[in-house]
Amino acid sequence: MTRPSRSGSDGETAAARRRAAIALAGRAGDEDFVRAALDDREPKVRLAALVALTRLERASVADLARLLADIDPGVRRGACEVAATVPGSSVGRSLDDDSAAVVEAAAFAAGELAERRVVPRLCEIARHHHDALCREAAVASLGAIGDERGRDAVLAALADVPAVRRRAVVALAAFDGNEVDTALRDRLGDRDWQVRQAAEDVLGLNDEEPR
């Protein structure tokens, strides 16, 4: 069981020293020293240990899964961010995390990992999550994965806030069909200029071509 962290500047200084030691051990190839730090009482030290293991190419699926379930949301988010560097890893469970920051990171990671089995969950996040960053990340991953099951959710995201609309336009490049072409051309008149620009880029238009 992870021990509680000490409070105050002394504890923070000690934790910083341990993180530095982990970095040095990682560069030296001392896997045992780095791996032991996965049990450290400080969240940032535990995450530093996982990052060092990935750099050593010694992080296992079990190591990742352990920190994806860490009590600290910052560790869980960080674990999602390095998931793509661990062969065979999955962030599916993290898509249901209580922390929106973790869900966002997991959604992006799912796209990097091309986790087709989580496409239905990504569609739910894209359509219904209360946090716009999570919706945006889910839309981006649906585009990266390119599974046809995600097309309707991406099209629906064209009615979301500007940042999500921009992401949806880019994601539509992964899909074909008249409905997609019509949706992209409709975005040429979007009230947000970045959405309009993204639509032009995806359609391969320029200022001289008729719209």
N, C-alpha and C. Protein backbone atom coordinates (compact mmCIF):
# COMPACT_ATOMS: atom_id res chain seq x y z
N MET A 1 0.85 -1.20 0.00
CA MET A 1 0.00 0.00 0.00
C MET A 1 0.88 1.24 0.00
N THR A 2 0.51 2.25 -0.79
CA THR A 2 1.26 3.49 -0.85
C THR A 2 1.13 4.26 0.45
N ARG A 3 2.26 4.70 0.95
CA ARG A 3 2.24 5.46 2.21
C ARG A 3 1.79 6.88 1.98
N PRO A 4 1.19 7.52 2.98
CA PRO A 4 0.77 8.92 2.83
C PRO A 4 1.97 9.82 2.67
N SER A 5 1.80 10.90 1.92
CA SER A 5 2.90 11.83 1.69
C SER A 5 3.08 12.75 2.88
N ARG A 6 4.31 13.20 3.06
CA ARG A 6 4.59 14.17 4.10
C ARG A 6 4.25 15.56 3.59
N SER A 7 3.82 16.43 4.47
CA SER A 7 3.47 17.78 4.08
C SER A 7 4.65 18.70 4.32
N GLY A 8 4.58 19.88 3.70
CA GLY A 8 5.60 20.88 3.95
C GLY A 8 6.73 20.82 2.95
N SER A 9 7.57 21.84 3.04
CA SER A 9 8.67 21.97 2.06
C SER A 9 9.69 20.86 2.18
N ASP A 10 9.91 20.31 3.37
CA ASP A 10 10.88 19.23 3.53
C ASP A 10 10.47 18.02 2.71
N GLY A 11 9.17 17.68 2.80
CA GLY A 11 8.68 16.54 2.02
C GLY A 11 8.79 16.79 0.53
N GLU A 12 8.48 18.01 0.09
CA GLU A 12 8.56 18.34 -1.33
C GLU A 12 10.00 18.28 -1.82
N THR A 13 10.94 18.77 -0.99
CA THR A 13 12.35 18.72 -1.38
C THR A 13 12.84 17.29 -1.47
N ALA A 14 12.44 16.47 -0.51
CA ALA A 14 12.85 15.07 -0.53
C ALA A 14 12.29 14.36 -1.75
N ALA A 15 11.03 14.66 -2.09
CA ALA A 15 10.41 14.04 -3.26
C ALA A 15 11.13 14.47 -4.54
N ALA A 16 11.50 15.75 -4.61
CA ALA A 16 12.23 16.24 -5.79
C ALA A 16 13.56 15.52 -5.93
N ARG A 17 14.20 15.26 -4.80
CA ARG A 17 15.48 14.55 -4.85
C ARG A 17 15.28 13.12 -5.32
N ARG A 18 14.19 12.51 -4.88
CA ARG A 18 13.94 11.13 -5.32
C ARG A 18 13.63 11.10 -6.82
N ARG A 19 12.90 12.11 -7.30
CA ARG A 19 12.63 12.15 -8.75
C ARG A 19 13.92 12.31 -9.53
N ALA A 20 14.82 13.14 -9.03
CA ALA A 20 16.10 13.32 -9.70
C ALA A 20 16.90 12.02 -9.70
N ALA A 21 16.85 11.32 -8.59
CA ALA A 21 17.57 10.05 -8.48
C ALA A 21 17.00 9.02 -9.45
N ILE A 22 15.68 9.04 -9.61
CA ILE A 22 15.04 8.12 -10.55
C ILE A 22 15.48 8.43 -11.98
N ALA A 23 15.53 9.71 -12.32
CA ALA A 23 15.97 10.10 -13.66
C ALA A 23 17.39 9.62 -13.93
N LEU A 24 18.27 9.79 -12.94
CA LEU A 24 19.65 9.35 -13.10
C LEU A 24 19.73 7.84 -13.22
N ALA A 25 18.94 7.15 -12.39
CA ALA A 25 18.95 5.69 -12.44
C ALA A 25 18.43 5.20 -13.78
N GLY A 26 17.44 5.89 -14.31
CA GLY A 26 16.92 5.51 -15.61
C GLY A 26 17.96 5.65 -16.70
N ARG A 27 18.69 6.75 -16.66
CA ARG A 27 19.75 6.95 -17.66
C ARG A 27 20.84 5.91 -17.53
N ALA A 28 21.07 5.45 -16.30
CA ALA A 28 22.10 4.45 -16.04
C ALA A 28 21.62 3.02 -16.28
N GLY A 29 20.32 2.88 -16.54
CA GLY A 29 19.79 1.56 -16.79
C GLY A 29 19.51 0.74 -15.55
N ASP A 30 19.38 1.40 -14.41
CA ASP A 30 19.15 0.70 -13.16
C ASP A 30 17.64 0.46 -12.98
N GLU A 31 17.15 -0.58 -13.62
CA GLU A 31 15.71 -0.85 -13.60
C GLU A 31 15.19 -1.14 -12.21
N ASP A 32 15.95 -1.87 -11.41
CA ASP A 32 15.48 -2.25 -10.07
C ASP A 32 15.22 -1.02 -9.21
N PHE A 33 16.12 -0.06 -9.27
CA PHE A 33 15.97 1.16 -8.48
C PHE A 33 14.73 1.93 -8.94
N VAL A 34 14.58 2.04 -10.25
CA VAL A 34 13.43 2.77 -10.80
C VAL A 34 12.13 2.06 -10.45
N ARG A 35 12.10 0.76 -10.61
CA ARG A 35 10.87 0.01 -10.37
C ARG A 35 10.43 0.10 -8.91
N ALA A 36 11.37 0.14 -8.00
CA ALA A 36 11.03 0.24 -6.58
C ALA A 36 10.26 1.52 -6.28
N ALA A 37 10.51 2.56 -7.08
CA ALA A 37 9.87 3.86 -6.85
C ALA A 37 8.39 3.87 -7.26
N LEU A 38 7.93 2.82 -7.89
CA LEU A 38 6.50 2.73 -8.20
C LEU A 38 5.67 2.65 -6.92
N ASP A 39 6.33 2.33 -5.81
CA ASP A 39 5.66 2.25 -4.51
C ASP A 39 5.86 3.50 -3.67
N ASP A 40 6.47 4.53 -4.23
CA ASP A 40 6.78 5.73 -3.44
C ASP A 40 5.51 6.38 -2.91
N ARG A 41 5.63 7.07 -1.79
CA ARG A 41 4.47 7.71 -1.17
C ARG A 41 4.03 8.96 -1.92
N GLU A 42 4.92 9.54 -2.74
CA GLU A 42 4.59 10.77 -3.45
C GLU A 42 4.11 10.46 -4.87
N PRO A 43 2.96 10.99 -5.25
CA PRO A 43 2.43 10.72 -6.60
C PRO A 43 3.41 11.07 -7.72
N LYS A 44 4.05 12.21 -7.64
CA LYS A 44 4.95 12.63 -8.72
C LYS A 44 6.14 11.69 -8.85
N VAL A 45 6.54 11.09 -7.75
CA VAL A 45 7.66 10.15 -7.80
C VAL A 45 7.20 8.85 -8.47
N ARG A 46 6.01 8.39 -8.13
CA ARG A 46 5.49 7.18 -8.76
C ARG A 46 5.38 7.37 -10.28
N LEU A 47 4.88 8.54 -10.68
CA LEU A 47 4.76 8.80 -12.11
C LEU A 47 6.12 8.90 -12.77
N ALA A 48 7.07 9.53 -12.10
CA ALA A 48 8.43 9.63 -12.64
C ALA A 48 9.03 8.25 -12.85
N ALA A 49 8.72 7.33 -11.95
CA ALA A 49 9.23 5.97 -12.09
C ALA A 49 8.65 5.30 -13.34
N LEU A 50 7.36 5.48 -13.57
CA LEU A 50 6.75 4.89 -14.76
C LEU A 50 7.34 5.48 -16.03
N VAL A 51 7.52 6.80 -16.04
CA VAL A 51 8.10 7.46 -17.21
C VAL A 51 9.51 6.93 -17.46
N ALA A 52 10.30 6.78 -16.40
CA ALA A 52 11.66 6.27 -16.55
C ALA A 52 11.65 4.84 -17.08
N LEU A 53 10.71 4.03 -16.63
CA LEU A 53 10.62 2.66 -17.13
C LEU A 53 10.27 2.63 -18.61
N THR A 54 9.40 3.54 -19.04
CA THR A 54 9.05 3.57 -20.46
C THR A 54 10.25 3.98 -21.30
N ARG A 55 11.04 4.91 -20.76
CA ARG A 55 12.25 5.32 -21.49
C ARG A 55 13.26 4.19 -21.58
N LEU A 56 13.27 3.34 -20.56
CA LEU A 56 14.13 2.16 -20.58
C LEU A 56 13.55 1.04 -21.44
N GLU A 57 12.30 1.25 -21.89
CA GLU A 57 11.55 0.24 -22.63
C GLU A 57 11.37 -1.01 -21.78
N ARG A 58 11.17 -0.79 -20.47
CA ARG A 58 10.98 -1.89 -19.53
C ARG A 58 9.64 -1.81 -18.82
N ALA A 59 8.82 -0.84 -19.15
CA ALA A 59 7.50 -0.75 -18.53
C ALA A 59 6.61 -1.85 -19.09
N SER A 60 5.94 -2.54 -18.19
CA SER A 60 5.05 -3.62 -18.60
C SER A 60 3.60 -3.15 -18.61
N VAL A 61 2.73 -3.96 -19.22
CA VAL A 61 1.31 -3.65 -19.20
C VAL A 61 0.82 -3.61 -17.75
N ALA A 62 1.35 -4.49 -16.91
CA ALA A 62 0.96 -4.52 -15.50
C ALA A 62 1.40 -3.25 -14.78
N ASP A 63 2.59 -2.75 -15.10
CA ASP A 63 3.06 -1.50 -14.49
C ASP A 63 2.12 -0.36 -14.85
N LEU A 64 1.76 -0.30 -16.14
CA LEU A 64 0.87 0.77 -16.58
C LEU A 64 -0.50 0.65 -15.93
N ALA A 65 -1.05 -0.55 -15.92
CA ALA A 65 -2.37 -0.75 -15.35
C ALA A 65 -2.40 -0.35 -13.88
N ARG A 66 -1.31 -0.61 -13.21
CA ARG A 66 -1.22 -0.27 -11.79
C ARG A 66 -1.35 1.23 -11.57
N LEU A 67 -0.66 2.02 -12.39
CA LEU A 67 -0.72 3.47 -12.21
C LEU A 67 -1.96 4.08 -12.86
N LEU A 68 -2.55 3.39 -13.81
CA LEU A 68 -3.83 3.85 -14.34
C LEU A 68 -4.92 3.77 -13.26
N ALA A 69 -4.69 2.92 -12.27
CA ALA A 69 -5.64 2.77 -11.16
C ALA A 69 -5.15 3.46 -9.89
N ASP A 70 -4.14 4.30 -10.01
CA ASP A 70 -3.57 4.98 -8.84
C ASP A 70 -4.61 5.85 -8.15
N ILE A 71 -4.43 6.06 -6.86
CA ILE A 71 -5.36 6.88 -6.10
C ILE A 71 -5.30 8.35 -6.50
N ASP A 72 -4.18 8.78 -7.08
CA ASP A 72 -4.00 10.19 -7.43
C ASP A 72 -4.37 10.42 -8.90
N PRO A 73 -5.28 11.36 -9.18
CA PRO A 73 -5.70 11.60 -10.57
C PRO A 73 -4.57 12.11 -11.46
N GLY A 74 -3.61 12.82 -10.87
CA GLY A 74 -2.48 13.29 -11.66
C GLY A 74 -1.64 12.14 -12.16
N VAL A 75 -1.49 11.12 -11.35
CA VAL A 75 -0.75 9.92 -11.76
C VAL A 75 -1.53 9.18 -12.84
N ARG A 76 -2.84 9.07 -12.64
CA ARG A 76 -3.66 8.36 -13.63
C ARG A 76 -3.60 9.08 -14.98
N ARG A 77 -3.66 10.42 -14.94
CA ARG A 77 -3.58 11.17 -16.19
C ARG A 77 -2.22 10.96 -16.86
N GLY A 78 -1.15 11.05 -16.06
CA GLY A 78 0.18 10.85 -16.61
C GLY A 78 0.37 9.46 -17.19
N ALA A 79 -0.22 8.47 -16.53
CA ALA A 79 -0.13 7.10 -17.05
C ALA A 79 -0.83 6.99 -18.39
N CYS A 80 -1.95 7.67 -18.55
CA CYS A 80 -2.63 7.68 -19.85
C CYS A 80 -1.74 8.30 -20.92
N GLU A 81 -1.03 9.34 -20.56
CA GLU A 81 -0.21 10.06 -21.53
C GLU A 81 0.96 9.23 -22.04
N VAL A 82 1.43 8.26 -21.26
CA VAL A 82 2.54 7.42 -21.71
C VAL A 82 2.07 6.05 -22.19
N ALA A 83 0.76 5.81 -22.17
CA ALA A 83 0.23 4.48 -22.50
C ALA A 83 0.65 4.00 -23.88
N ALA A 84 0.70 4.91 -24.84
CA ALA A 84 1.01 4.51 -26.21
C ALA A 84 2.43 3.97 -26.35
N THR A 85 3.29 4.23 -25.37
CA THR A 85 4.66 3.74 -25.43
C THR A 85 4.81 2.36 -24.82
N VAL A 86 3.72 1.81 -24.29
CA VAL A 86 3.77 0.48 -23.66
C VAL A 86 3.00 -0.50 -24.55
N PRO A 87 3.70 -1.34 -25.30
CA PRO A 87 3.03 -2.27 -26.21
C PRO A 87 1.99 -3.13 -25.49
N GLY A 88 0.82 -3.25 -26.12
CA GLY A 88 -0.22 -4.09 -25.56
C GLY A 88 -1.08 -3.42 -24.50
N SER A 89 -0.86 -2.14 -24.25
CA SER A 89 -1.59 -1.45 -23.19
C SER A 89 -2.98 -1.04 -23.64
N SER A 90 -3.83 -0.72 -22.68
CA SER A 90 -5.19 -0.29 -22.95
C SER A 90 -5.59 0.78 -21.93
N VAL A 91 -6.33 1.77 -22.39
CA VAL A 91 -6.81 2.83 -21.49
C VAL A 91 -8.33 2.81 -21.40
N GLY A 92 -8.93 1.70 -21.80
CA GLY A 92 -10.39 1.63 -21.84
C GLY A 92 -11.06 1.97 -20.52
N ARG A 93 -10.56 1.43 -19.43
CA ARG A 93 -11.19 1.69 -18.14
C ARG A 93 -11.06 3.15 -17.72
N SER A 94 -10.01 3.79 -18.17
CA SER A 94 -9.78 5.18 -17.79
C SER A 94 -10.78 6.13 -18.44
N LEU A 95 -11.46 5.66 -19.47
CA LEU A 95 -12.49 6.49 -20.11
C LEU A 95 -13.70 6.69 -19.21
N ASP A 96 -13.77 5.92 -18.12
CA ASP A 96 -14.87 6.06 -17.16
C ASP A 96 -14.39 6.70 -15.86
N ASP A 97 -13.22 7.31 -15.88
CA ASP A 97 -12.66 7.90 -14.66
C ASP A 97 -13.53 9.05 -14.15
N ASP A 98 -13.50 9.27 -12.84
CA ASP A 98 -14.24 10.38 -12.24
C ASP A 98 -13.64 11.74 -12.58
N SER A 99 -12.36 11.75 -12.94
CA SER A 99 -11.67 13.00 -13.26
C SER A 99 -11.75 13.28 -14.76
N ALA A 100 -12.26 14.46 -15.09
CA ALA A 100 -12.34 14.83 -16.51
C ALA A 100 -10.96 14.90 -17.14
N ALA A 101 -9.96 15.33 -16.38
CA ALA A 101 -8.60 15.41 -16.93
C ALA A 101 -8.08 14.04 -17.32
N VAL A 102 -8.43 13.02 -16.55
CA VAL A 102 -8.01 11.66 -16.87
C VAL A 102 -8.77 11.17 -18.11
N VAL A 103 -10.05 11.44 -18.18
CA VAL A 103 -10.84 11.02 -19.34
C VAL A 103 -10.29 11.65 -20.62
N GLU A 104 -9.95 12.94 -20.54
CA GLU A 104 -9.39 13.62 -21.71
C GLU A 104 -8.12 12.93 -22.19
N ALA A 105 -7.20 12.67 -21.24
CA ALA A 105 -5.93 12.03 -21.60
C ALA A 105 -6.16 10.62 -22.13
N ALA A 106 -7.10 9.91 -21.52
CA ALA A 106 -7.39 8.55 -21.96
C ALA A 106 -7.98 8.54 -23.36
N ALA A 107 -8.83 9.51 -23.64
CA ALA A 107 -9.44 9.58 -24.97
C ALA A 107 -8.38 9.80 -26.05
N PHE A 108 -7.46 10.72 -25.82
CA PHE A 108 -6.39 10.93 -26.79
C PHE A 108 -5.54 9.67 -26.93
N ALA A 109 -5.24 9.03 -25.80
CA ALA A 109 -4.41 7.82 -25.84
C ALA A 109 -5.10 6.70 -26.60
N ALA A 110 -6.41 6.60 -26.47
CA ALA A 110 -7.15 5.57 -27.20
C ALA A 110 -6.95 5.72 -28.71
N GLY A 111 -6.89 6.97 -29.17
CA GLY A 111 -6.63 7.21 -30.59
C GLY A 111 -5.23 6.80 -30.99
N GLU A 112 -4.26 7.11 -30.14
CA GLU A 112 -2.88 6.74 -30.43
C GLU A 112 -2.71 5.23 -30.44
N LEU A 113 -3.45 4.55 -29.58
CA LEU A 113 -3.38 3.10 -29.50
C LEU A 113 -4.29 2.41 -30.52
N ALA A 114 -5.12 3.21 -31.21
CA ALA A 114 -6.09 2.66 -32.17
C ALA A 114 -6.95 1.58 -31.54
N GLU A 115 -7.49 1.89 -30.35
CA GLU A 115 -8.31 0.92 -29.61
C GLU A 115 -9.74 0.90 -30.17
N ARG A 116 -9.95 0.08 -31.15
CA ARG A 116 -11.27 0.00 -31.79
C ARG A 116 -12.36 -0.48 -30.84
N ARG A 117 -11.99 -1.27 -29.86
CA ARG A 117 -13.02 -1.81 -28.97
C ARG A 117 -13.66 -0.73 -28.10
N VAL A 118 -13.01 0.43 -27.96
CA VAL A 118 -13.58 1.48 -27.13
C VAL A 118 -14.32 2.53 -27.95
N VAL A 119 -14.49 2.29 -29.25
CA VAL A 119 -15.17 3.26 -30.09
C VAL A 119 -16.57 3.60 -29.57
N PRO A 120 -17.38 2.63 -29.14
CA PRO A 120 -18.70 3.01 -28.60
C PRO A 120 -18.61 3.95 -27.41
N ARG A 121 -17.65 3.71 -26.52
CA ARG A 121 -17.50 4.60 -25.37
C ARG A 121 -17.01 5.98 -25.80
N LEU A 122 -16.11 6.04 -26.77
CA LEU A 122 -15.67 7.34 -27.29
C LEU A 122 -16.83 8.10 -27.91
N CYS A 123 -17.73 7.39 -28.56
CA CYS A 123 -18.91 8.05 -29.14
C CYS A 123 -19.77 8.66 -28.04
N GLU A 124 -19.93 7.96 -26.95
CA GLU A 124 -20.71 8.49 -25.84
C GLU A 124 -20.07 9.74 -25.26
N ILE A 125 -18.76 9.70 -25.10
CA ILE A 125 -18.05 10.86 -24.56
C ILE A 125 -18.17 12.04 -25.52
N ALA A 126 -17.99 11.78 -26.81
CA ALA A 126 -18.07 12.84 -27.82
C ALA A 126 -19.44 13.51 -27.82
N ARG A 127 -20.47 12.75 -27.57
CA ARG A 127 -21.83 13.29 -27.62
C ARG A 127 -22.29 13.91 -26.30
N HIS A 128 -21.88 13.32 -25.19
CA HIS A 128 -22.56 13.65 -23.94
C HIS A 128 -21.69 14.12 -22.77
N HIS A 129 -20.39 14.03 -22.85
CA HIS A 129 -19.57 14.39 -21.69
C HIS A 129 -19.74 15.87 -21.37
N HIS A 130 -19.79 16.18 -20.09
CA HIS A 130 -20.01 17.58 -19.68
C HIS A 130 -18.81 18.47 -19.96
N ASP A 131 -17.63 17.88 -20.11
CA ASP A 131 -16.41 18.66 -20.30
C ASP A 131 -16.08 18.74 -21.79
N ALA A 132 -15.97 19.96 -22.31
CA ALA A 132 -15.71 20.13 -23.75
C ALA A 132 -14.37 19.55 -24.18
N LEU A 133 -13.37 19.61 -23.29
CA LEU A 133 -12.07 19.05 -23.64
C LEU A 133 -12.16 17.54 -23.83
N CYS A 134 -12.98 16.90 -23.02
CA CYS A 134 -13.18 15.45 -23.17
C CYS A 134 -13.89 15.14 -24.49
N ARG A 135 -14.90 15.94 -24.81
CA ARG A 135 -15.59 15.72 -26.09
C ARG A 135 -14.63 15.92 -27.25
N GLU A 136 -13.82 16.95 -27.16
CA GLU A 136 -12.86 17.23 -28.23
C GLU A 136 -11.87 16.08 -28.39
N ALA A 137 -11.36 15.57 -27.27
CA ALA A 137 -10.40 14.47 -27.32
C ALA A 137 -11.03 13.22 -27.90
N ALA A 138 -12.28 12.96 -27.53
CA ALA A 138 -12.97 11.78 -28.05
C ALA A 138 -13.17 11.89 -29.56
N VAL A 139 -13.55 13.07 -30.02
CA VAL A 139 -13.74 13.29 -31.46
C VAL A 139 -12.42 13.09 -32.21
N ALA A 140 -11.35 13.62 -31.65
CA ALA A 140 -10.04 13.46 -32.28
C ALA A 140 -9.67 11.99 -32.41
N SER A 141 -9.94 11.22 -31.36
CA SER A 141 -9.60 9.80 -31.39
C SER A 141 -10.46 9.03 -32.38
N LEU A 142 -11.73 9.39 -32.46
CA LEU A 142 -12.60 8.74 -33.44
C LEU A 142 -12.06 8.96 -34.86
N GLY A 143 -11.54 10.15 -35.11
CA GLY A 143 -10.94 10.41 -36.40
C GLY A 143 -9.66 9.63 -36.60
N ALA A 144 -8.85 9.53 -35.55
CA ALA A 144 -7.59 8.80 -35.65
C ALA A 144 -7.83 7.31 -35.87
N ILE A 145 -8.85 6.76 -35.23
CA ILE A 145 -9.15 5.34 -35.37
C ILE A 145 -9.82 5.07 -36.71
N GLY A 146 -10.71 5.96 -37.13
CA GLY A 146 -11.34 5.84 -38.45
C GLY A 146 -12.36 4.72 -38.57
N ASP A 147 -12.89 4.26 -37.45
CA ASP A 147 -13.91 3.21 -37.46
C ASP A 147 -15.25 3.82 -37.86
N GLU A 148 -15.96 3.17 -38.78
CA GLU A 148 -17.23 3.72 -39.26
C GLU A 148 -18.26 3.91 -38.16
N ARG A 149 -18.13 3.16 -37.06
CA ARG A 149 -19.07 3.32 -35.95
C ARG A 149 -18.97 4.71 -35.32
N GLY A 150 -17.87 5.39 -35.55
CA GLY A 150 -17.69 6.71 -34.96
C GLY A 150 -18.13 7.87 -35.83
N ARG A 151 -18.50 7.57 -37.06
CA ARG A 151 -18.80 8.65 -38.01
C ARG A 151 -19.95 9.53 -37.55
N ASP A 152 -21.04 8.96 -37.09
CA ASP A 152 -22.21 9.76 -36.71
C ASP A 152 -21.90 10.66 -35.52
N ALA A 153 -21.09 10.17 -34.58
CA ALA A 153 -20.72 10.99 -33.43
C ALA A 153 -19.86 12.16 -33.85
N VAL A 154 -19.00 11.95 -34.82
CA VAL A 154 -18.16 13.04 -35.33
C VAL A 154 -19.02 14.07 -36.06
N LEU A 155 -19.96 13.58 -36.86
CA LEU A 155 -20.86 14.50 -37.55
C LEU A 155 -21.68 15.32 -36.55
N ALA A 156 -22.15 14.67 -35.49
CA ALA A 156 -22.93 15.38 -34.48
C ALA A 156 -22.09 16.44 -33.78
N ALA A 157 -20.78 16.23 -33.68
CA ALA A 157 -19.90 17.18 -33.01
C ALA A 157 -19.76 18.49 -33.78
N LEU A 158 -20.22 18.51 -35.02
CA LEU A 158 -20.19 19.75 -35.81
C LEU A 158 -21.17 20.79 -35.27
N ALA A 159 -22.00 20.40 -34.33
CA ALA A 159 -22.94 21.34 -33.70
C ALA A 159 -22.47 21.76 -32.31
N ASP A 160 -21.27 21.37 -31.94
CA ASP A 160 -20.73 21.64 -30.60
C ASP A 160 -20.05 23.01 -30.57
N VAL A 161 -19.31 23.28 -29.53
CA VAL A 161 -18.57 24.55 -29.39
C VAL A 161 -17.47 24.60 -30.45
N PRO A 162 -16.93 25.80 -30.73
CA PRO A 162 -15.97 25.94 -31.82
C PRO A 162 -14.78 24.97 -31.79
N ALA A 163 -14.16 24.78 -30.63
CA ALA A 163 -12.99 23.91 -30.57
C ALA A 163 -13.35 22.47 -30.95
N VAL A 164 -14.51 22.03 -30.53
CA VAL A 164 -14.95 20.67 -30.87
C VAL A 164 -15.32 20.61 -32.34
N ARG A 165 -15.95 21.65 -32.86
CA ARG A 165 -16.28 21.67 -34.29
C ARG A 165 -15.02 21.59 -35.14
N ARG A 166 -14.01 22.35 -34.76
CA ARG A 166 -12.75 22.31 -35.52
C ARG A 166 -12.18 20.90 -35.52
N ARG A 167 -12.20 20.27 -34.35
CA ARG A 167 -11.66 18.92 -34.25
C ARG A 167 -12.49 17.95 -35.10
N ALA A 168 -13.80 18.14 -35.10
CA ALA A 168 -14.68 17.26 -35.87
C ALA A 168 -14.41 17.39 -37.37
N VAL A 169 -14.20 18.61 -37.83
CA VAL A 169 -13.90 18.82 -39.24
C VAL A 169 -12.65 18.05 -39.64
N VAL A 170 -11.62 18.15 -38.84
CA VAL A 170 -10.38 17.42 -39.13
C VAL A 170 -10.61 15.91 -39.07
N ALA A 171 -11.39 15.47 -38.08
CA ALA A 171 -11.65 14.04 -37.92
C ALA A 171 -12.41 13.47 -39.11
N LEU A 172 -13.23 14.28 -39.75
CA LEU A 172 -14.02 13.80 -40.89
C LEU A 172 -13.16 13.41 -42.08
N ALA A 173 -11.92 13.83 -42.08
CA ALA A 173 -11.01 13.43 -43.16
C ALA A 173 -10.84 11.91 -43.20
N ALA A 174 -11.15 11.25 -42.08
CA ALA A 174 -10.99 9.79 -42.02
C ALA A 174 -12.20 9.04 -42.58
N PHE A 175 -13.25 9.78 -42.94
CA PHE A 175 -14.50 9.13 -43.37
C PHE A 175 -14.89 9.58 -44.78
N ASP A 176 -15.65 8.72 -45.45
CA ASP A 176 -16.10 9.01 -46.81
C ASP A 176 -17.62 9.05 -46.87
N GLY A 177 -18.14 9.56 -47.98
CA GLY A 177 -19.58 9.55 -48.19
C GLY A 177 -20.13 10.93 -48.47
N ASN A 178 -21.27 10.96 -49.13
CA ASN A 178 -21.91 12.23 -49.48
C ASN A 178 -22.27 13.04 -48.24
N GLU A 179 -22.69 12.36 -47.19
CA GLU A 179 -23.06 13.07 -45.96
C GLU A 179 -21.86 13.80 -45.38
N VAL A 180 -20.71 13.17 -45.46
CA VAL A 180 -19.48 13.79 -44.95
C VAL A 180 -19.12 15.00 -45.81
N ASP A 181 -19.16 14.83 -47.13
CA ASP A 181 -18.83 15.94 -48.03
C ASP A 181 -19.77 17.12 -47.82
N THR A 182 -21.06 16.83 -47.67
CA THR A 182 -22.03 17.91 -47.45
C THR A 182 -21.76 18.62 -46.13
N ALA A 183 -21.47 17.86 -45.09
CA ALA A 183 -21.21 18.46 -43.78
C ALA A 183 -19.98 19.35 -43.83
N LEU A 184 -18.95 18.91 -44.53
CA LEU A 184 -17.73 19.72 -44.63
C LEU A 184 -18.00 21.01 -45.40
N ARG A 185 -18.76 20.92 -46.46
CA ARG A 185 -19.06 22.14 -47.24
C ARG A 185 -19.95 23.09 -46.44
N ASP A 186 -20.81 22.54 -45.62
CA ASP A 186 -21.63 23.39 -44.76
C ASP A 186 -20.75 24.17 -43.78
N ARG A 187 -19.66 23.57 -43.36
CA ARG A 187 -18.76 24.24 -42.39
C ARG A 187 -17.95 25.36 -43.04
N LEU A 188 -17.99 25.46 -44.37
CA LEU A 188 -17.31 26.58 -45.03
C LEU A 188 -17.99 27.90 -44.67
N GLY A 189 -19.21 27.83 -44.18
CA GLY A 189 -19.91 29.03 -43.74
C GLY A 189 -20.01 29.15 -42.23
N ASP A 190 -19.20 28.37 -41.52
CA ASP A 190 -19.25 28.40 -40.05
C ASP A 190 -18.91 29.79 -39.53
N ARG A 191 -19.49 30.15 -38.40
CA ARG A 191 -19.23 31.48 -37.83
C ARG A 191 -17.82 31.60 -37.24
N ASP A 192 -17.16 30.48 -37.01
CA ASP A 192 -15.79 30.50 -36.48
C ASP A 192 -14.81 30.36 -37.64
N TRP A 193 -13.88 31.31 -37.77
CA TRP A 193 -13.00 31.29 -38.94
C TRP A 193 -12.05 30.08 -38.94
N GLN A 194 -11.70 29.58 -37.75
CA GLN A 194 -10.82 28.42 -37.71
C GLN A 194 -11.54 27.16 -38.19
N VAL A 195 -12.83 27.08 -37.91
CA VAL A 195 -13.61 25.96 -38.43
C VAL A 195 -13.68 26.07 -39.95
N ARG A 196 -13.92 27.27 -40.46
CA ARG A 196 -13.97 27.47 -41.92
C ARG A 196 -12.63 27.08 -42.56
N GLN A 197 -11.54 27.50 -41.93
CA GLN A 197 -10.21 27.20 -42.47
C GLN A 197 -9.96 25.70 -42.47
N ALA A 198 -10.35 25.04 -41.39
CA ALA A 198 -10.16 23.59 -41.31
C ALA A 198 -10.94 22.88 -42.40
N ALA A 199 -12.18 23.35 -42.66
CA ALA A 199 -12.99 22.74 -43.71
C ALA A 199 -12.34 22.94 -45.08
N GLU A 200 -11.80 24.13 -45.32
CA GLU A 200 -11.11 24.38 -46.58
C GLU A 200 -9.92 23.44 -46.74
N ASP A 201 -9.18 23.25 -45.65
CA ASP A 201 -8.00 22.39 -45.71
C ASP A 201 -8.39 20.94 -46.00
N VAL A 202 -9.42 20.45 -45.32
CA VAL A 202 -9.83 19.07 -45.52
C VAL A 202 -10.39 18.86 -46.92
N LEU A 203 -11.11 19.85 -47.43
CA LEU A 203 -11.68 19.75 -48.78
C LEU A 203 -10.66 20.06 -49.87
N GLY A 204 -9.51 20.57 -49.49
CA GLY A 204 -8.48 20.89 -50.47
C GLY A 204 -8.78 22.12 -51.28
N LEU A 205 -9.49 23.07 -50.67
CA LEU A 205 -9.85 24.30 -51.37
C LEU A 205 -8.83 25.39 -51.10
N ASN A 206 -8.89 26.45 -51.93
CA ASN A 206 -8.12 27.66 -51.65
C ASN A 206 -8.99 28.87 -51.96
N ASP A 207 -8.46 30.03 -51.73
CA ASP A 207 -9.28 31.25 -51.87
C ASP A 207 -9.74 31.48 -53.30
N GLU A 208 -9.04 30.92 -54.28
CA GLU A 208 -9.41 31.18 -55.67
C GLU A 208 -10.50 30.24 -56.17
N GLU A 209 -10.70 29.12 -55.46
CA GLU A 209 -11.64 28.13 -55.96
C GLU A 209 -13.06 28.49 -55.52
N PRO A 210 -14.05 28.21 -56.37
CA PRO A 210 -15.44 28.48 -55.98
C PRO A 210 -15.88 27.55 -54.86
N ARG A 211 -16.77 28.04 -54.02
CA ARG A 211 -17.28 27.24 -52.92
C ARG A 211 -18.73 26.86 -53.19
